[in-house]
Amino acid sequence: MFRKILYPTDFSDCATKAPGYVKKLREVGTEEVVLVHVIDLREKRW
């Protein structure tokens, strides 16, 4: 299976389902999961 998984998230309602799948992948041999949360500042009006 996969040794490393990159889990990009925006913490939306839809994205909250992904950790359950990531946990399953850890159970079958994934060694590392990297969570990335990126905030797009272009949407902000400073």
PDB file of N, CA and C in Angstrom:
ATOM      1  N   MET A   1       0.868  -1.179   0.000  1.00  0.00           N
ATOM      2  CA  MET A   1       0.000   0.000   0.000  1.00  0.00           C
ATOM      3  C   MET A   1       0.907   1.232   0.000  1.00  0.00           C
ATOM      4  N   PHE A   2       0.441   2.313   0.527  1.00  0.00           N
ATOM      5  CA  PHE A   2       1.192   3.568   0.541  1.00  0.00           C
ATOM      6  C   PHE A   2       2.024   3.677   1.816  1.00  0.00           C
ATOM      7  N   ARG A   3       3.263   4.118   1.694  1.00  0.00           N
ATOM      8  CA  ARG A   3       4.101   4.330   2.877  1.00  0.00           C
ATOM      9  C   ARG A   3       3.829   5.682   3.504  1.00  0.00           C
ATOM     10  N   LYS A   4       3.620   6.706   2.676  1.00  0.00           N
ATOM     11  CA  LYS A   4       3.362   8.060   3.174  1.00  0.00           C
ATOM     12  C   LYS A   4       2.101   8.604   2.527  1.00  0.00           C
ATOM     13  N   ILE A   5       1.336   9.344   3.302  1.00  0.00           N
ATOM     14  CA  ILE A   5       0.112   9.957   2.792  1.00  0.00           C
ATOM     15  C   ILE A   5       0.146  11.442   3.125  1.00  0.00           C
ATOM     16  N   LEU A   6      -0.141  12.274   2.129  1.00  0.00           N
ATOM     17  CA  LEU A   6      -0.303  13.707   2.335  1.00  0.00           C
ATOM     18  C   LEU A   6      -1.796  13.972   2.405  1.00  0.00           C
ATOM     19  N   TYR A   7      -2.231  14.498   3.525  1.00  0.00           N
ATOM     20  CA  TYR A   7      -3.658  14.760   3.735  1.00  0.00           C
ATOM     21  C   TYR A   7      -3.894  16.262   3.775  1.00  0.00           C
ATOM     22  N   PRO A   8      -4.176  16.881   2.613  1.00  0.00           N
ATOM     23  CA  PRO A   8      -4.497  18.307   2.590  1.00  0.00           C
ATOM     24  C   PRO A   8      -5.952  18.496   3.014  1.00  0.00           C
ATOM     25  N   THR A   9      -6.203  19.483   3.848  1.00  0.00           N
ATOM     26  CA  THR A   9      -7.566  19.689   4.317  1.00  0.00           C
ATOM     27  C   THR A   9      -7.875  21.163   4.500  1.00  0.00           C
ATOM     28  N   ASP A  10      -9.145  21.474   4.356  1.00  0.00           N
ATOM     29  CA  ASP A  10      -9.622  22.818   4.659  1.00  0.00           C
ATOM     30  C   ASP A  10     -10.544  22.773   5.884  1.00  0.00           C
ATOM     31  N   PHE A  11     -10.637  21.605   6.511  1.00  0.00           N
ATOM     32  CA  PHE A  11     -11.459  21.369   7.695  1.00  0.00           C
ATOM     33  C   PHE A  11     -12.946  21.650   7.451  1.00  0.00           C
ATOM     34  N   SER A  12     -13.369  21.507   6.204  1.00  0.00           N
ATOM     35  CA  SER A  12     -14.789  21.666   5.884  1.00  0.00           C
ATOM     36  C   SER A  12     -15.552  20.421   6.340  1.00  0.00           C
ATOM     37  N   ASP A  13     -16.871  20.468   6.276  1.00  0.00           N
ATOM     38  CA  ASP A  13     -17.686  19.320   6.676  1.00  0.00           C
ATOM     39  C   ASP A  13     -17.340  18.084   5.853  1.00  0.00           C
ATOM     40  N   CYS A  14     -17.134  18.271   4.583  1.00  0.00           N
ATOM     41  CA  CYS A  14     -16.799  17.147   3.706  1.00  0.00           C
ATOM     42  C   CYS A  14     -15.429  16.560   4.056  1.00  0.00           C
ATOM     43  N   ALA A  15     -14.493  17.408   4.393  1.00  0.00           N
ATOM     44  CA  ALA A  15     -13.128  16.963   4.687  1.00  0.00           C
ATOM     45  C   ALA A  15     -13.039  16.199   6.001  1.00  0.00           C
ATOM     46  N   THR A  16     -14.030  16.311   6.859  1.00  0.00           N
ATOM     47  CA  THR A  16     -13.974  15.618   8.146  1.00  0.00           C
ATOM     48  C   THR A  16     -14.152  14.108   7.998  1.00  0.00           C
ATOM     49  N   LYS A  17     -14.547  13.651   6.825  1.00  0.00           N
ATOM     50  CA  LYS A  17     -14.703  12.215   6.594  1.00  0.00           C
ATOM     51  C   LYS A  17     -13.363  11.535   6.292  1.00  0.00           C
ATOM     52  N   ALA A  18     -12.401  12.274   5.813  1.00  0.00           N
ATOM     53  CA  ALA A  18     -11.123  11.705   5.385  1.00  0.00           C
ATOM     54  C   ALA A  18     -10.314  11.048   6.505  1.00  0.00           C
ATOM     55  N   PRO A  19     -10.264  11.596   7.720  1.00  0.00           N
ATOM     56  CA  PRO A  19      -9.450  10.941   8.756  1.00  0.00           C
ATOM     57  C   PRO A  19      -9.848   9.486   9.020  1.00  0.00           C
ATOM     58  N   GLY A  20     -11.095   9.153   8.858  1.00  0.00           N
ATOM     59  CA  GLY A  20     -11.518   7.766   9.018  1.00  0.00           C
ATOM     60  C   GLY A  20     -10.852   6.853   8.003  1.00  0.00           C
ATOM     61  N   TYR A  21     -10.721   7.328   6.775  1.00  0.00           N
ATOM     62  CA  TYR A  21     -10.057   6.552   5.735  1.00  0.00           C
ATOM     63  C   TYR A  21      -8.552   6.489   5.991  1.00  0.00           C
ATOM     64  N   VAL A  22      -7.989   7.583   6.464  1.00  0.00           N
ATOM     65  CA  VAL A  22      -6.560   7.614   6.758  1.00  0.00           C
ATOM     66  C   VAL A  22      -6.240   6.623   7.879  1.00  0.00           C
ATOM     67  N   LYS A  23      -7.093   6.544   8.880  1.00  0.00           N
ATOM     68  CA  LYS A  23      -6.876   5.578   9.965  1.00  0.00           C
ATOM     69  C   LYS A  23      -6.861   4.152   9.432  1.00  0.00           C
ATOM     70  N   LYS A  24      -7.742   3.853   8.511  1.00  0.00           N
ATOM     71  CA  LYS A  24      -7.777   2.514   7.912  1.00  0.00           C
ATOM     72  C   LYS A  24      -6.482   2.222   7.157  1.00  0.00           C
ATOM     73  N   LEU A  25      -5.966   3.212   6.439  1.00  0.00           N
ATOM     74  CA  LEU A  25      -4.722   3.023   5.710  1.00  0.00           C
ATOM     75  C   LEU A  25      -3.555   2.815   6.670  1.00  0.00           C
ATOM     76  N   ARG A  26      -3.580   3.473   7.819  1.00  0.00           N
ATOM     77  CA  ARG A  26      -2.540   3.258   8.834  1.00  0.00           C
ATOM     78  C   ARG A  26      -2.574   1.816   9.328  1.00  0.00           C
ATOM     79  N   GLU A  27      -3.757   1.269   9.440  1.00  0.00           N
ATOM     80  CA  GLU A  27      -3.908  -0.105   9.923  1.00  0.00           C
ATOM     81  C   GLU A  27      -3.309  -1.130   8.956  1.00  0.00           C
ATOM     82  N   VAL A  28      -3.222  -0.793   7.677  1.00  0.00           N
ATOM     83  CA  VAL A  28      -2.688  -1.742   6.693  1.00  0.00           C
ATOM     84  C   VAL A  28      -1.258  -1.426   6.275  1.00  0.00           C
ATOM     85  N   GLY A  29      -0.582  -0.554   7.027  1.00  0.00           N
ATOM     86  CA  GLY A  29       0.843  -0.389   6.794  1.00  0.00           C
ATOM     87  C   GLY A  29       1.359   0.983   6.434  1.00  0.00           C
ATOM     88  N   THR A  30       0.519   1.971   6.354  1.00  0.00           N
ATOM     89  CA  THR A  30       1.018   3.314   6.074  1.00  0.00           C
ATOM     90  C   THR A  30       1.879   3.762   7.254  1.00  0.00           C
ATOM     91  N   GLU A  31       3.061   4.255   6.966  1.00  0.00           N
ATOM     92  CA  GLU A  31       4.009   4.613   8.010  1.00  0.00           C
ATOM     93  C   GLU A  31       3.878   6.057   8.484  1.00  0.00           C
ATOM     94  N   GLU A  32       3.467   6.942   7.591  1.00  0.00           N
ATOM     95  CA  GLU A  32       3.463   8.358   7.944  1.00  0.00           C
ATOM     96  C   GLU A  32       2.291   9.053   7.264  1.00  0.00           C
ATOM     97  N   VAL A  33       1.620   9.907   8.025  1.00  0.00           N
ATOM     98  CA  VAL A  33       0.548  10.738   7.485  1.00  0.00           C
ATOM     99  C   VAL A  33       0.902  12.189   7.805  1.00  0.00           C
ATOM    100  N   VAL A  34       0.949  13.020   6.775  1.00  0.00           N
ATOM    101  CA  VAL A  34       1.275  14.432   6.940  1.00  0.00           C
ATOM    102  C   VAL A  34       0.020  15.234   6.646  1.00  0.00           C
ATOM    103  N   LEU A  35      -0.424  15.998   7.622  1.00  0.00           N
ATOM    104  CA  LEU A  35      -1.606  16.842   7.470  1.00  0.00           C
ATOM    105  C   LEU A  35      -1.155  18.243   7.075  1.00  0.00           C
ATOM    106  N   VAL A  36      -1.789  18.790   6.045  1.00  0.00           N
ATOM    107  CA  VAL A  36      -1.448  20.125   5.559  1.00  0.00           C
ATOM    108  C   VAL A  36      -2.721  20.957   5.499  1.00  0.00           C
ATOM    109  N   HIS A  37      -2.678  22.123   6.154  1.00  0.00           N
ATOM    110  CA  HIS A  37      -3.798  23.059   6.086  1.00  0.00           C
ATOM    111  C   HIS A  37      -3.250  24.368   5.524  1.00  0.00           C
ATOM    112  N   VAL A  38      -3.760  24.756   4.365  1.00  0.00           N
ATOM    113  CA  VAL A  38      -3.302  25.966   3.700  1.00  0.00           C
ATOM    114  C   VAL A  38      -4.429  26.983   3.723  1.00  0.00           C
ATOM    115  N   ILE A  39      -4.095  28.188   4.104  1.00  0.00           N
ATOM    116  CA  ILE A  39      -5.074  29.273   4.114  1.00  0.00           C
ATOM    117  C   ILE A  39      -4.755  30.200   2.955  1.00  0.00           C
ATOM    118  N   ASP A  40      -5.727  30.397   2.093  1.00  0.00           N
ATOM    119  CA  ASP A  40      -5.556  31.264   0.931  1.00  0.00           C
ATOM    120  C   ASP A  40      -5.846  32.697   1.356  1.00  0.00           C
ATOM    121  N   LEU A  41      -4.813  33.490   1.511  1.00  0.00           N
ATOM    122  CA  LEU A  41      -4.979  34.870   1.957  1.00  0.00           C
ATOM    123  C   LEU A  41      -5.492  35.791   0.852  1.00  0.00           C
ATOM    124  N   ARG A  42      -5.516  35.292  -0.378  1.00  0.00           N
ATOM    125  CA  ARG A  42      -6.032  36.136  -1.467  1.00  0.00           C
ATOM    126  C   ARG A  42      -7.508  36.420  -1.282  1.00  0.00           C
ATOM    127  N   GLU A  43      -8.204  35.586  -0.556  1.00  0.00           N
ATOM    128  CA  GLU A  43      -9.641  35.789  -0.346  1.00  0.00           C
ATOM    129  C   GLU A  43      -9.913  36.854   0.717  1.00  0.00           C
ATOM    130  N   LYS A  44      -8.949  37.148   1.542  1.00  0.00           N
ATOM    131  CA  LYS A  44      -9.110  38.129   2.623  1.00  0.00           C
ATOM    132  C   LYS A  44      -8.974  39.533   2.069  1.00  0.00           C
ATOM    133  N   ARG A  45      -9.736  40.425   2.628  1.00  0.00           N
ATOM    134  CA  ARG A  45      -9.633  41.859   2.284  1.00  0.00           C
ATOM    135  C   ARG A  45      -8.987  42.559   3.464  1.00  0.00           C
ATOM    136  N   TRP A  46      -7.695  42.855   3.368  1.00  0.00           N
ATOM    137  CA  TRP A  46      -6.979  43.483   4.475  1.00  0.00           C
ATOM    138  C   TRP A  46      -7.153  44.936   4.391  1.00  0.00           C
TER     139      TRP A  46
END
